[in-house]
Amino acid sequence: MLKRGGSPRAKTSKAAGARLSDRPVRLPGMAKVTKAPADVPTVTVEERVEELRRKKKAALTPGGRDAAGKQHERGKLTARERLDLLMDKGSFVETDPFAVHRSHDFGLDRKRPPGDGVITGYGTIDGRKVFVASQDFAVFGGSMGEVNAQKVCKVMDLAIQTGAPFIAINDSGGARIQEGAASLAGYGYIFERNVRASGVIPQISVIMGPCAGGAVYSPAITDFTFMVKETSHMFITGPDVIKTVTGEEVSMEELGGAMTHASKSGVASFVGEDDEDVLQRVRYLLSFLPSNNLEDPPAYAATDDPARLEDRLTHLIPDSPKEPYDMHEVIRYIVDDGEFLEVFPLWAMNIVIGFARLDGRSIGIIANQPKVIAGTLDIEASEKASRFVRFCDAFNIPILTLVDVPGFLPGTEQEYHGIIRHGAKLLYAFAEATVPRMTVITRKAYGGAYLVMNSKHLRADVSFAWPTAEIAVMGAEGAVNIVFRKEIDNAADPVAKRADLIDEYKRKFSTPYAAAERGFIDDVIEPAETRPRLIQALRMLSTKRESVPARKHGNIPL
C-alpha cells in the first residue's frame, strides 16, 4: 500500500518538472540568451529621462547662447519668442525638435544643430487650432535644407488634414547652398502644398527678416502677407545682382522693404512697426476667418444695436457729384462698433477692401474710394479687389460692395498694360462667387464699371441704392456731348442749350429710380437706414445655398 503523498514516480516527475521550468526556453531560430556581466553598468530610467531633458534644453537654443542677443541687436525677436507672442500661452506643441540634416558636404557633418533651422508645431490662437513654422535665423541663417523642408511639409499636411490655418514666419537667407538640389526640392514641395491648401485653409505668411530668391513664391501664393518696417525684405534678385546686370543702384529697403511692397508692388497685405505689432495683427486677422472652407467664420454676440440708424450718413455725400468724400467713413458708420480691418491700405487706394462685422458676423467689404482718382477702377484696383472677392467666396464670408464708380481709368498706359483683361478679373470674381452678396450704390454707377461692381446683373443677392445714386451709361456731361452734339452745334446759344440738355438728362437718368423700375436694384433706401437694412438682408441670406455647374475649374483671365 502506498503511503499518503503519492507515488515515488510522481514525486520524481514533479521534481524534474521543477528543474526544467527553471531553465530558459529556447525555440528554434532564437538567439542564445546570455546574462550581462556583473561589472557592466546599467543605465537607469531616471538617467535616460535626464538625458532627454538635457537634449530638449539644448534644442531650445540650437544657435548658441549669443543667438538671442544678436537677433535683438538687429531689432528682431528670436524664432521662439515670436511663437510665444503669436500663440495662446502654453498652447504650443513642437514637432520634430530633434530633427537634424543629413548632409556631409562642405563640413556640414561637423555641425548638426537640433531642429535644422526651423521650429514647427501647433497650438491655439484665441482657443482655435493653428499650425506654424518659424524659421530660426540663428541656425544656418534660417536657410532651407532637405530636413528643414520636410518638417514644414509635415505640419502643412497636418493643417490640411485637420482643417486648421497655417502660418509661416519667414526669416531666412534662402536655399542652403551646401545641400544643392535637395534644398531647391524642398521649396518645390512647400509650393505644391501651398497650392493644394489654397481655398481649403487660410494661409498666412509673416516676413520677419530676409526672404529672397525662390523663397518669395510661397508668400506670394498664400492668402495674406505681413511685413515689418525696416527689418523685413523680399526680392527675387538682390541689389548686388541688379547692379551687376543692369547697372542700377538700389538699396535693400527701396527694392524690397515693407513699405515698397505695401504701396508699390501689392505684395504686403499688412505692415507693422515691429515683430510684436505684426504678430498681434495676425491674431486679429484670424478672428475674422474660419478655420477651413467647410466652416463658417466665427460669429460673436453683437454689441452694436442692429436697428441703429446713422444720420451722419445722410450728410456725408456732398451735394455736388464732383466733390469727393471718404468711403472709410461710410464703412465705419455701417459696421459693428465702427471696427474695420483694411487689407492693402496703402496699395491701389482707389478701392478699399477689408473685414468687418455686421450683426456679429464676419463680412468682406469692397468699396470704391472717391478720394483717390475719383474712385475709378484701374489695373491695380481690379487685381486687389478680385483676389479679395475670391478669398471671401472660398471661405464662406459674405460680401458687401459699396459703389461709387465713374468708370474705368482712361489712358494709353492702362490700355497698353491690359485694363481689359485685368478688369475682367473682378467681373469674373464677383460672377462666380456663391456666398451672400449685397450691394449699396451710394452715388455714381457708370458704364461697365457699374456692372463689374457686384451688380444685380451678376446675380448679386440684394442691391440697394441711396437717393443720391446715379445709374447710367456715363455722366450727364459726356452723354449730352455725344447724343446731342448736332443739336448743340446748331443751337443759337450752344452753351445754354448744352446746360438745358444736361439738366434734362440728369432728371431722367441720373437717379436710381429708372433702375428700380426695372428691378435692377431691390430698393431705394435712406442712407441712415443702411445698417439695419443690410443686417436684415444678411439674416435672410444666412441659409443661402447655390450650386454651380460641374467642372474642374473655370478659366479666369489671369
Protein backbone atom coordinates (compact mmCIF):
# COMPACT_ATOMS: atom_id res chain seq x y z
CA MET A 1 0.00 0.00 0.00
CA LEU A 2 1.29 3.40 -0.92
CA LYS A 3 1.68 5.96 1.76
CA ARG A 4 -0.16 9.19 1.69
CA GLY A 5 1.57 11.67 -0.59
CA GLY A 6 1.58 9.85 -3.91
CA SER A 7 3.88 7.53 -5.76
CA PRO A 8 7.67 7.94 -5.85
CA ARG A 9 7.42 8.22 -9.65
CA ALA A 10 5.05 11.20 -9.32
CA LYS A 11 7.38 12.88 -6.88
CA THR A 12 10.29 12.34 -9.23
CA SER A 13 8.32 13.74 -12.17
CA LYS A 14 7.37 16.87 -10.22
CA ALA A 15 10.94 17.46 -9.18
CA ALA A 16 12.14 17.06 -12.73
CA GLY A 17 9.45 19.43 -13.96
CA ALA A 18 10.51 21.99 -11.41
CA ARG A 19 14.09 21.74 -12.56
CA LEU A 20 13.03 22.07 -16.23
CA SER A 21 10.88 25.14 -15.50
CA ASP A 22 13.91 26.92 -14.09
CA ARG A 23 15.64 26.62 -17.43
CA PRO A 24 15.06 29.33 -20.14
CA VAL A 25 13.01 28.03 -23.06
CA ARG A 26 14.86 28.35 -26.36
CA LEU A 27 12.86 27.96 -29.53
CA PRO A 28 14.38 27.08 -32.92
CA GLY A 29 15.92 30.15 -34.55
CA MET A 30 16.12 32.06 -31.26
CA ALA A 31 19.38 33.73 -30.32
CA LYS A 32 21.09 32.39 -27.26
CA VAL A 33 20.29 34.49 -24.19
CA THR A 34 23.24 35.38 -22.04
CA LYS A 35 23.33 37.37 -18.85
CA ALA A 36 25.27 40.64 -18.78
CA PRO A 37 28.47 40.51 -16.77
CA ALA A 38 28.04 41.88 -13.30
CA ASP A 39 30.71 44.57 -13.87
CA VAL A 40 28.81 46.26 -16.84
CA PRO A 41 26.92 49.36 -15.52
CA THR A 42 23.16 49.51 -16.20
CA VAL A 43 21.58 52.81 -17.45
CA THR A 44 18.62 53.59 -15.25
CA VAL A 45 15.30 55.01 -16.42
CA GLU A 46 15.98 58.14 -14.40
CA GLU A 47 19.27 58.65 -16.25
CA ARG A 48 17.56 58.24 -19.61
CA VAL A 49 14.90 60.80 -18.64
CA GLU A 50 17.63 63.18 -17.51
CA GLU A 51 19.38 62.73 -20.88
CA LEU A 52 16.11 63.60 -22.65
CA ARG A 53 15.76 66.74 -20.59
CA ARG A 54 19.31 67.81 -21.45
CA LYS A 55 18.66 67.27 -25.15
CA LYS A 56 15.39 69.21 -25.04
CA LYS A 57 17.07 72.06 -23.19
CA ALA A 58 19.85 72.16 -25.80
CA ALA A 59 17.25 72.16 -28.58
CA LEU A 60 15.82 75.40 -27.20
CA THR A 61 18.99 77.29 -28.15
CA PRO A 62 20.47 75.48 -31.17
CA GLY A 63 22.19 78.64 -32.33
CA GLY A 64 24.15 79.07 -29.09
CA ARG A 65 23.82 81.34 -26.10
CA ASP A 66 24.59 84.55 -28.03
CA ALA A 67 22.00 83.97 -30.75
CA ALA A 68 19.18 85.79 -28.99
CA GLY A 69 21.34 88.84 -28.35
CA LYS A 70 22.36 89.06 -31.99
CA GLN A 71 18.74 88.89 -33.12
CA HIS A 72 17.78 91.63 -30.67
CA GLU A 73 20.61 93.81 -31.97
CA ARG A 74 19.07 93.53 -35.43
CA GLY A 75 15.76 94.73 -34.00
CA LYS A 76 14.20 91.27 -34.27
CA LEU A 77 12.86 88.64 -31.90
CA THR A 78 14.03 85.03 -31.91
CA ALA A 79 12.02 82.28 -33.57
CA ARG A 80 10.73 81.04 -30.20
CA GLU A 81 9.96 84.49 -28.87
CA ARG A 82 7.79 85.07 -31.92
CA LEU A 83 5.85 81.87 -31.28
CA ASP A 84 5.39 82.82 -27.63
CA LEU A 85 3.73 86.08 -28.72
CA LEU A 86 1.69 84.55 -31.52
CA MET A 87 0.20 81.54 -29.75
CA ASP A 88 -2.01 81.31 -26.69
CA LYS A 89 0.15 80.96 -23.59
CA GLY A 90 1.27 77.39 -23.01
CA SER A 91 -0.56 76.02 -26.06
CA PHE A 92 2.36 75.45 -28.45
CA VAL A 93 3.38 71.83 -29.09
CA GLU A 94 6.60 71.43 -31.06
CA THR A 95 7.09 68.73 -33.68
CA ASP A 96 10.43 67.21 -34.74
CA PRO A 97 12.60 69.12 -32.25
CA PHE A 98 15.45 66.60 -32.69
CA ALA A 99 15.49 66.53 -36.49
CA VAL A 100 18.96 67.18 -37.97
CA HIS A 101 20.27 67.46 -41.51
CA ARG A 102 21.88 64.51 -43.30
CA SER A 103 24.40 66.43 -45.40
CA HIS A 104 28.13 65.68 -45.24
CA ASP A 105 29.47 68.16 -47.79
CA PHE A 106 31.40 71.37 -47.07
CA GLY A 107 31.90 70.41 -43.42
CA LEU A 108 28.20 70.35 -42.55
CA ASP A 109 28.63 66.96 -40.89
CA ARG A 110 30.57 68.70 -38.10
CA LYS A 111 27.60 70.89 -37.21
CA ARG A 112 24.20 69.29 -36.79
CA PRO A 113 22.06 71.53 -34.57
CA PRO A 114 18.69 70.08 -33.49
CA GLY A 115 15.68 71.41 -35.37
CA ASP A 116 17.70 72.19 -38.52
CA GLY A 117 16.81 75.89 -38.53
CA VAL A 118 13.02 75.84 -38.27
CA ILE A 119 10.59 75.39 -35.38
CA THR A 120 7.37 73.63 -36.36
CA GLY A 121 4.28 72.61 -34.44
CA TYR A 122 0.74 73.50 -33.50
CA GLY A 123 -1.20 75.30 -30.81
CA THR A 124 -4.09 77.71 -30.44
CA ILE A 125 -4.86 81.37 -31.11
CA ASP A 126 -7.88 82.59 -29.17
CA GLY A 127 -8.61 78.94 -28.44
CA ARG A 128 -8.65 77.89 -32.11
CA LYS A 129 -6.13 75.42 -33.54
CA VAL A 130 -3.39 76.64 -35.90
CA PHE A 131 -0.19 75.14 -37.32
CA VAL A 132 3.04 77.13 -37.56
CA ALA A 133 6.57 77.05 -38.94
CA SER A 134 9.03 79.65 -37.65
CA GLN A 135 12.42 79.91 -39.35
CA ASP A 136 15.36 80.31 -36.98
CA PHE A 137 17.90 82.76 -38.41
CA ALA A 138 20.38 81.72 -35.70
CA VAL A 139 20.80 78.28 -37.31
CA PHE A 140 22.44 78.33 -40.74
CA GLY A 141 20.80 81.71 -41.31
CA GLY A 142 17.40 80.01 -41.35
CA SER A 143 18.32 78.51 -44.74
CA MET A 144 16.11 75.88 -46.33
CA GLY A 145 17.54 72.38 -46.39
CA GLU A 146 16.09 68.95 -47.07
CA VAL A 147 15.15 68.11 -43.46
CA ASN A 148 14.07 71.69 -42.79
CA ALA A 149 11.57 71.42 -45.67
CA GLN A 150 10.36 68.01 -44.52
CA LYS A 151 9.46 69.47 -41.14
CA VAL A 152 7.48 72.29 -42.74
CA CYS A 153 5.70 69.90 -45.13
CA LYS A 154 4.71 67.65 -42.25
CA VAL A 155 2.84 70.40 -40.38
CA MET A 156 1.34 71.70 -43.63
CA ASP A 157 -0.06 68.24 -44.30
CA LEU A 158 -1.47 68.10 -40.79
CA ALA A 159 -3.03 71.54 -41.23
CA ILE A 160 -4.79 70.43 -44.41
CA GLN A 161 -5.92 67.12 -42.92
CA THR A 162 -7.27 68.66 -39.72
CA GLY A 163 -8.70 71.83 -41.29
CA ALA A 164 -6.67 74.46 -39.46
CA PRO A 165 -4.91 77.66 -40.64
CA PHE A 166 -1.19 77.53 -41.43
CA ILE A 167 1.14 80.40 -40.52
CA ALA A 168 4.72 80.60 -41.85
CA ILE A 169 7.16 83.00 -40.17
CA ASN A 170 9.96 83.72 -42.64
CA ASP A 171 13.44 84.81 -41.57
CA SER A 172 15.85 83.08 -43.90
CA GLY A 173 18.85 83.60 -46.11
CA GLY A 174 17.29 81.35 -48.76
CA ALA A 175 18.24 77.90 -50.06
CA ARG A 176 21.06 76.07 -48.23
CA ILE A 177 23.74 76.10 -50.91
CA GLN A 178 25.70 73.25 -49.33
CA GLU A 179 22.78 70.86 -49.90
CA GLY A 180 22.40 71.71 -53.57
CA ALA A 181 19.33 70.45 -55.43
CA ALA A 182 17.86 68.92 -52.25
CA SER A 183 17.27 72.40 -50.84
CA LEU A 184 15.57 73.52 -54.07
CA ALA A 185 13.39 70.43 -54.00
CA GLY A 186 12.30 71.43 -50.51
CA TYR A 187 10.89 74.70 -51.82
CA GLY A 188 9.04 72.83 -54.55
CA TYR A 189 7.40 70.51 -52.03
CA ILE A 190 6.24 73.50 -49.98
CA PHE A 191 4.92 75.37 -53.06
CA GLU A 192 2.89 72.31 -54.07
CA ARG A 193 1.31 72.20 -50.62
CA ASN A 194 0.60 75.93 -50.72
CA VAL A 195 -1.37 75.38 -53.90
CA ARG A 196 -3.13 72.28 -52.55
CA ALA A 197 -4.14 74.15 -49.40
CA SER A 198 -5.33 77.25 -51.28
CA GLY A 199 -9.03 77.76 -50.69
CA VAL A 200 -9.06 74.90 -48.16
CA ILE A 201 -7.40 76.50 -45.14
CA PRO A 202 -6.30 80.12 -44.58
CA GLN A 203 -2.55 80.54 -45.22
CA ILE A 204 -0.65 83.47 -43.76
CA SER A 205 2.98 84.46 -44.38
CA VAL A 206 4.81 86.65 -41.89
CA ILE A 207 8.06 88.12 -43.24
CA MET A 208 10.34 89.00 -40.31
CA GLY A 209 13.72 89.08 -41.97
CA PRO A 210 15.17 88.36 -45.41
CA CYS A 211 13.12 86.35 -47.92
CA ALA A 212 14.85 86.18 -51.29
CA GLY A 213 15.01 84.18 -54.49
CA GLY A 214 12.67 81.23 -54.86
CA ALA A 215 11.60 81.56 -51.22
CA VAL A 216 9.35 84.52 -52.10
CA TYR A 217 6.92 82.37 -54.06
CA SER A 218 5.43 80.68 -51.03
CA PRO A 219 4.29 84.02 -49.54
CA ALA A 220 3.07 85.04 -52.99
CA ILE A 221 0.73 82.03 -53.07
CA THR A 222 -0.57 82.40 -49.52
CA ASP A 223 -3.66 84.45 -48.72
CA PHE A 224 -2.09 87.28 -46.70
CA THR A 225 1.46 88.55 -46.23
CA PHE A 226 2.64 90.59 -43.25
CA MET A 227 5.90 92.56 -43.19
CA VAL A 228 7.84 94.52 -40.58
CA LYS A 229 9.11 98.00 -41.26
CA GLU A 230 12.88 98.20 -41.84
CA THR A 231 13.70 94.61 -40.80
CA SER A 232 11.94 92.51 -43.44
CA HIS A 233 12.85 92.38 -47.13
CA MET A 234 11.58 90.42 -50.13
CA PHE A 235 13.00 90.28 -53.66
CA ILE A 236 13.77 87.82 -56.44
CA THR A 237 17.24 89.26 -57.09
CA GLY A 238 19.12 91.43 -54.62
CA PRO A 239 20.69 94.87 -55.08
CA ASP A 240 24.14 93.45 -55.95
CA VAL A 241 22.79 91.27 -58.76
CA ILE A 242 20.69 94.13 -60.13
CA LYS A 243 23.72 96.42 -60.17
CA THR A 244 25.82 93.80 -61.97
CA VAL A 245 23.19 93.04 -64.60
CA THR A 246 21.55 96.42 -65.20
CA GLY A 247 23.89 98.92 -63.56
CA GLU A 248 21.01 100.21 -61.44
CA GLU A 249 21.83 101.05 -57.84
CA VAL A 250 19.12 100.47 -55.26
CA SER A 251 19.11 99.79 -51.52
CA MET A 252 17.55 96.71 -49.95
CA GLU A 253 14.86 98.85 -48.35
CA GLU A 254 13.97 100.60 -51.62
CA LEU A 255 13.99 97.35 -53.54
CA GLY A 256 12.15 95.01 -51.20
CA GLY A 257 11.32 96.75 -47.93
CA ALA A 258 7.94 96.59 -46.24
CA MET A 259 6.73 99.98 -47.46
CA THR A 260 7.77 99.23 -51.04
CA HIS A 261 5.70 96.06 -51.11
CA ALA A 262 2.82 97.68 -49.21
CA SER A 263 2.50 100.69 -51.52
CA LYS A 264 4.02 99.78 -54.92
CA SER A 265 4.08 96.06 -55.66
CA GLY A 266 0.98 94.94 -53.80
CA VAL A 267 2.82 92.04 -52.16
CA ALA A 268 2.46 93.05 -48.49
CA SER A 269 -1.15 92.94 -47.25
CA PHE A 270 -0.22 94.43 -43.86
CA VAL A 271 2.76 96.28 -42.36
CA GLY A 272 3.66 96.53 -38.68
CA GLU A 273 6.08 98.66 -36.70
CA ASP A 274 7.94 95.71 -35.12
CA ASP A 275 7.68 91.96 -34.60
CA GLU A 276 5.29 92.23 -31.68
CA ASP A 277 2.95 94.61 -33.53
CA VAL A 278 2.79 92.32 -36.56
CA LEU A 279 2.07 89.19 -34.53
CA GLN A 280 -0.81 90.91 -32.77
CA ARG A 281 -2.18 91.89 -36.18
CA VAL A 282 -2.01 88.25 -37.29
CA ARG A 283 -4.06 87.21 -34.27
CA TYR A 284 -6.61 89.95 -35.04
CA LEU A 285 -6.94 88.90 -38.68
CA LEU A 286 -7.67 85.31 -37.68
CA SER A 287 -10.61 86.49 -35.57
CA PHE A 288 -12.47 87.24 -38.84
CA LEU A 289 -11.63 83.97 -40.61
CA PRO A 290 -12.98 80.41 -40.41
CA SER A 291 -10.54 77.59 -39.76
CA ASN A 292 -11.28 75.99 -43.13
CA ASN A 293 -13.55 76.13 -46.16
CA LEU A 294 -16.18 73.84 -44.60
CA GLU A 295 -16.82 76.13 -41.64
CA ASP A 296 -18.49 79.49 -41.30
CA PRO A 297 -16.47 82.43 -39.95
CA PRO A 298 -16.60 82.89 -36.17
CA ALA A 299 -19.65 84.84 -35.00
CA TYR A 300 -19.83 86.92 -31.83
CA ALA A 301 -22.66 88.37 -29.82
CA ALA A 302 -23.31 91.80 -31.34
CA THR A 303 -22.57 94.73 -29.02
CA ASP A 304 -23.84 97.29 -31.54
CA ASP A 305 -27.60 97.81 -31.97
CA PRO A 306 -28.73 96.03 -35.19
CA ALA A 307 -31.50 98.61 -35.60
CA ARG A 308 -29.19 101.60 -35.18
CA LEU A 309 -29.95 104.46 -37.58
CA GLU A 310 -26.97 106.57 -38.61
CA ASP A 311 -27.95 110.13 -39.53
CA ARG A 312 -24.33 111.04 -40.25
CA LEU A 313 -24.59 109.03 -43.46
CA THR A 314 -27.30 111.39 -44.71
CA HIS A 315 -24.96 114.37 -44.58
CA LEU A 316 -21.83 112.56 -45.77
CA ILE A 317 -22.43 112.73 -49.54
CA PRO A 318 -21.71 116.22 -50.95
CA ASP A 319 -24.44 117.96 -52.94
CA SER A 320 -22.09 118.27 -55.90
CA PRO A 321 -21.29 114.91 -57.57
CA LYS A 322 -17.84 116.27 -58.38
CA GLU A 323 -16.84 116.61 -54.72
CA PRO A 324 -15.12 113.63 -53.05
CA TYR A 325 -15.82 112.07 -49.68
CA ASP A 326 -14.13 109.35 -47.65
CA MET A 327 -15.61 105.88 -48.10
CA HIS A 328 -13.92 104.82 -44.86
CA GLU A 329 -16.47 106.92 -43.00
CA VAL A 330 -19.35 105.18 -44.75
CA ILE A 331 -17.92 101.82 -43.71
CA ARG A 332 -17.35 102.85 -40.09
CA TYR A 333 -20.90 104.18 -39.72
CA ILE A 334 -22.42 100.94 -41.07
CA VAL A 335 -20.42 98.12 -39.42
CA ASP A 336 -20.44 96.92 -35.83
CA ASP A 337 -18.73 99.37 -33.48
CA GLY A 338 -17.01 101.10 -36.41
CA GLU A 339 -14.44 98.29 -36.47
CA PHE A 340 -12.78 97.72 -39.86
CA LEU A 341 -9.61 95.79 -40.71
CA GLU A 342 -8.39 97.16 -44.02
CA VAL A 343 -6.31 94.93 -46.30
CA PHE A 344 -3.72 96.57 -48.59
CA PRO A 345 -4.46 100.04 -47.16
CA LEU A 346 -1.51 101.64 -49.00
CA TRP A 347 -1.76 99.98 -52.42
CA ALA A 348 -4.38 100.70 -55.12
CA MET A 349 -6.03 103.14 -52.74
CA ASN A 350 -8.82 103.95 -55.21
CA ILE A 351 -10.53 100.83 -53.92
CA VAL A 352 -10.95 99.81 -50.28
CA ILE A 353 -11.09 96.19 -49.13
CA GLY A 354 -11.15 94.61 -45.71
CA PHE A 355 -13.01 92.76 -42.98
CA ALA A 356 -15.67 93.96 -40.59
CA ARG A 357 -18.62 92.55 -38.65
CA LEU A 358 -22.29 93.08 -39.21
CA ASP A 359 -24.66 91.76 -36.53
CA GLY A 360 -21.66 89.93 -35.05
CA ARG A 361 -20.88 88.10 -38.32
CA SER A 362 -17.72 88.50 -40.38
CA ILE A 363 -18.14 90.17 -43.77
CA GLY A 364 -15.77 91.21 -46.54
CA ILE A 365 -16.12 94.76 -47.86
CA ILE A 366 -15.18 96.07 -51.31
CA ALA A 367 -15.72 99.81 -51.81
CA ASN A 368 -14.72 102.44 -54.37
CA GLN A 369 -12.83 105.37 -52.84
CA PRO A 370 -13.92 108.75 -54.31
CA LYS A 371 -10.98 110.49 -52.63
CA VAL A 372 -8.45 108.72 -54.87
CA ILE A 373 -8.65 109.28 -58.66
CA ALA A 374 -12.41 109.72 -58.18
CA GLY A 375 -12.83 106.05 -57.33
CA THR A 376 -12.21 104.87 -60.90
CA LEU A 377 -11.19 101.26 -61.48
CA ASP A 378 -7.72 100.66 -62.85
CA ILE A 379 -5.48 97.62 -63.26
CA GLU A 380 -4.19 97.51 -59.69
CA ALA A 381 -7.60 98.15 -58.12
CA SER A 382 -9.10 95.35 -60.21
CA GLU A 383 -6.41 92.90 -59.13
CA LYS A 384 -6.62 93.93 -55.50
CA ALA A 385 -10.39 93.56 -55.30
CA SER A 386 -10.74 90.41 -57.39
CA ARG A 387 -8.40 88.30 -55.27
CA PHE A 388 -10.12 89.50 -52.10
CA VAL A 389 -13.55 88.58 -53.50
CA ARG A 390 -12.28 85.09 -54.32
CA PHE A 391 -10.83 84.67 -50.83
CA CYS A 392 -14.14 85.62 -49.23
CA ASP A 393 -16.02 83.26 -51.53
CA ALA A 394 -13.63 80.38 -50.77
CA PHE A 395 -14.09 80.78 -47.02
CA ASN A 396 -17.82 81.46 -46.76
CA ILE A 397 -17.50 85.15 -45.88
CA PRO A 398 -20.48 87.28 -47.08
CA ILE A 399 -19.57 90.21 -49.34
CA LEU A 400 -20.74 93.81 -49.08
CA THR A 401 -19.97 96.10 -52.04
CA LEU A 402 -20.22 99.89 -51.71
CA VAL A 403 -20.36 101.50 -55.15
CA ASP A 404 -19.35 104.99 -56.25
CA VAL A 405 -17.54 104.43 -59.54
CA PRO A 406 -17.49 106.77 -62.56
CA GLY A 407 -15.89 104.13 -64.80
CA PHE A 408 -12.54 102.58 -65.65
CA LEU A 409 -9.50 104.85 -65.66
CA PRO A 410 -8.90 106.04 -69.26
CA GLY A 411 -5.49 106.38 -70.87
CA THR A 412 -2.96 104.65 -73.08
CA GLU A 413 -0.97 103.32 -70.11
CA GLN A 414 -3.98 101.43 -68.82
CA GLU A 415 -4.93 100.13 -72.25
CA TYR A 416 -1.40 99.02 -73.14
CA HIS A 417 -0.99 97.19 -69.83
CA GLY A 418 -4.23 95.27 -70.25
CA ILE A 419 -7.04 97.01 -68.36
CA ILE A 420 -9.49 94.91 -70.41
CA ARG A 421 -8.00 91.67 -69.15
CA HIS A 422 -7.42 92.86 -65.59
CA GLY A 423 -10.83 94.47 -65.27
CA ALA A 424 -12.37 91.19 -66.36
CA LYS A 425 -10.81 89.52 -63.32
CA LEU A 426 -13.05 91.50 -60.99
CA LEU A 427 -16.13 90.79 -63.10
CA TYR A 428 -15.24 87.08 -63.07
CA ALA A 429 -14.62 87.01 -59.32
CA PHE A 430 -17.99 88.53 -58.46
CA ALA A 431 -19.88 86.44 -61.01
CA GLU A 432 -18.51 83.12 -59.74
CA ALA A 433 -19.00 83.91 -56.03
CA THR A 434 -21.74 81.90 -54.31
CA VAL A 435 -21.59 83.48 -50.85
CA PRO A 436 -24.24 86.03 -49.81
CA ARG A 437 -23.60 89.19 -51.86
CA MET A 438 -25.01 92.62 -51.02
CA THR A 439 -24.52 95.91 -52.86
CA VAL A 440 -25.21 99.53 -51.90
CA ILE A 441 -24.87 102.20 -54.61
CA THR A 442 -24.06 105.45 -52.82
CA ARG A 443 -23.55 107.76 -55.81
CA LYS A 444 -22.09 107.13 -59.27
CA ALA A 445 -22.51 103.79 -61.02
CA TYR A 446 -21.50 104.35 -64.62
CA GLY A 447 -20.99 102.06 -67.59
CA GLY A 448 -19.09 98.79 -67.45
CA ALA A 449 -17.66 99.64 -64.05
CA TYR A 450 -21.21 99.62 -62.64
CA LEU A 451 -21.71 96.11 -64.00
CA VAL A 452 -18.39 94.87 -62.64
CA MET A 453 -19.01 96.12 -59.10
CA ASN A 454 -21.29 93.27 -57.98
CA SER A 455 -24.33 94.47 -59.90
CA LYS A 456 -27.68 92.71 -59.92
CA HIS A 457 -26.84 91.59 -63.44
CA LEU A 458 -24.00 89.46 -61.97
CA ARG A 459 -26.55 87.85 -59.62
CA ALA A 460 -25.93 89.95 -56.54
CA ASP A 461 -28.46 88.76 -53.96
CA VAL A 462 -29.52 92.15 -52.60
CA SER A 463 -28.94 95.54 -54.22
CA PHE A 464 -29.85 98.85 -52.61
CA ALA A 465 -29.34 102.42 -53.78
CA TRP A 466 -29.30 105.72 -51.96
CA PRO A 467 -31.36 108.62 -53.37
CA THR A 468 -28.05 110.15 -54.46
CA ALA A 469 -27.29 107.20 -56.76
CA GLU A 470 -26.74 107.82 -60.48
CA ILE A 471 -27.02 104.63 -62.52
CA ALA A 472 -26.27 105.35 -66.17
CA VAL A 473 -24.05 104.54 -69.11
CA MET A 474 -21.95 107.60 -68.34
CA GLY A 475 -22.08 111.01 -66.66
CA ALA A 476 -24.57 113.62 -67.90
CA GLU A 477 -21.94 115.90 -69.46
CA GLY A 478 -20.32 113.15 -71.51
CA ALA A 479 -23.65 111.66 -72.56
CA VAL A 480 -25.03 115.01 -73.75
CA ASN A 481 -21.89 115.78 -75.73
CA ILE A 482 -22.27 112.52 -77.64
CA VAL A 483 -26.03 112.18 -78.03
CA PHE A 484 -26.88 115.83 -78.69
CA ARG A 485 -23.75 117.03 -80.46
CA LYS A 486 -25.56 118.25 -83.59
CA GLU A 487 -28.32 119.97 -81.63
CA ILE A 488 -25.78 121.83 -79.53
CA ASP A 489 -23.73 122.87 -82.57
CA ASN A 490 -26.82 124.16 -84.39
CA ALA A 491 -28.30 125.99 -81.41
CA ALA A 492 -28.36 129.77 -81.30
CA ASP A 493 -26.78 129.59 -77.85
CA PRO A 494 -24.78 126.31 -77.67
CA VAL A 495 -23.75 126.85 -74.04
CA ALA A 496 -27.34 127.42 -72.82
CA LYS A 497 -28.61 124.53 -74.96
CA ARG A 498 -25.99 122.18 -73.54
CA ALA A 499 -26.86 123.22 -69.98
CA ASP A 500 -30.58 122.57 -70.60
CA LEU A 501 -29.90 119.16 -72.06
CA ILE A 502 -27.63 118.21 -69.15
CA ASP A 503 -30.37 119.13 -66.67
CA GLU A 504 -32.90 117.08 -68.63
CA TYR A 505 -30.55 114.09 -68.75
CA LYS A 506 -29.93 114.26 -65.02
CA ARG A 507 -33.66 114.31 -64.27
CA LYS A 508 -34.26 111.23 -66.41
CA PHE A 509 -31.16 109.11 -65.89
CA SER A 510 -29.01 110.42 -63.03
CA THR A 511 -31.31 108.91 -60.43
CA PRO A 512 -31.81 105.41 -59.01
CA TYR A 513 -35.49 105.26 -59.94
CA ALA A 514 -35.16 104.23 -63.58
CA ALA A 515 -33.10 101.22 -62.47
CA ALA A 516 -35.55 100.50 -59.64
CA GLU A 517 -38.45 100.44 -62.10
CA ARG A 518 -36.74 97.61 -63.96
CA GLY A 519 -35.77 95.64 -60.85
CA PHE A 520 -32.05 96.32 -61.32
CA ILE A 521 -31.97 97.41 -57.69
CA ASP A 522 -34.22 96.00 -54.98
CA ASP A 523 -35.00 99.21 -53.14
CA VAL A 524 -34.04 102.86 -52.79
CA ILE A 525 -33.26 103.43 -49.11
CA GLU A 526 -32.38 106.35 -46.90
CA PRO A 527 -28.67 106.46 -46.06
CA ALA A 528 -29.46 106.46 -42.33
CA GLU A 529 -31.20 103.08 -42.53
CA THR A 530 -28.38 101.32 -44.40
CA ARG A 531 -27.13 99.33 -41.40
CA PRO A 532 -30.47 97.78 -40.32
CA ARG A 533 -31.46 97.03 -43.93
CA LEU A 534 -28.15 95.23 -44.54
CA ILE A 535 -28.49 93.24 -41.31
CA GLN A 536 -32.00 92.18 -42.31
CA ALA A 537 -30.67 91.07 -45.69
CA LEU A 538 -27.73 89.22 -44.12
CA ARG A 539 -30.03 87.32 -41.78
CA MET A 540 -32.26 86.41 -44.70
CA LEU A 541 -29.27 85.16 -46.70
CA SER A 542 -27.74 83.14 -43.84
CA THR A 543 -29.18 79.90 -45.28
CA LYS A 544 -28.28 80.63 -48.91
CA ARG A 545 -27.14 77.59 -50.88
CA GLU A 546 -26.17 77.89 -54.52
CA SER A 547 -24.99 75.09 -56.79
CA VAL A 548 -22.70 75.64 -59.76
CA PRO A 549 -22.26 73.61 -62.97
CA ALA A 550 -19.92 70.63 -62.66
CA ARG A 551 -16.44 71.49 -63.92
CA LYS A 552 -12.82 71.05 -62.99
CA HIS A 553 -12.29 74.79 -62.63
CA GLY A 554 -13.02 77.99 -64.52
CA ASN A 555 -10.51 79.83 -66.66
CA ILE A 556 -10.25 83.26 -65.01
CA PRO A 557 -8.44 85.78 -67.27
CA LEU A 558 -5.14 85.81 -65.41
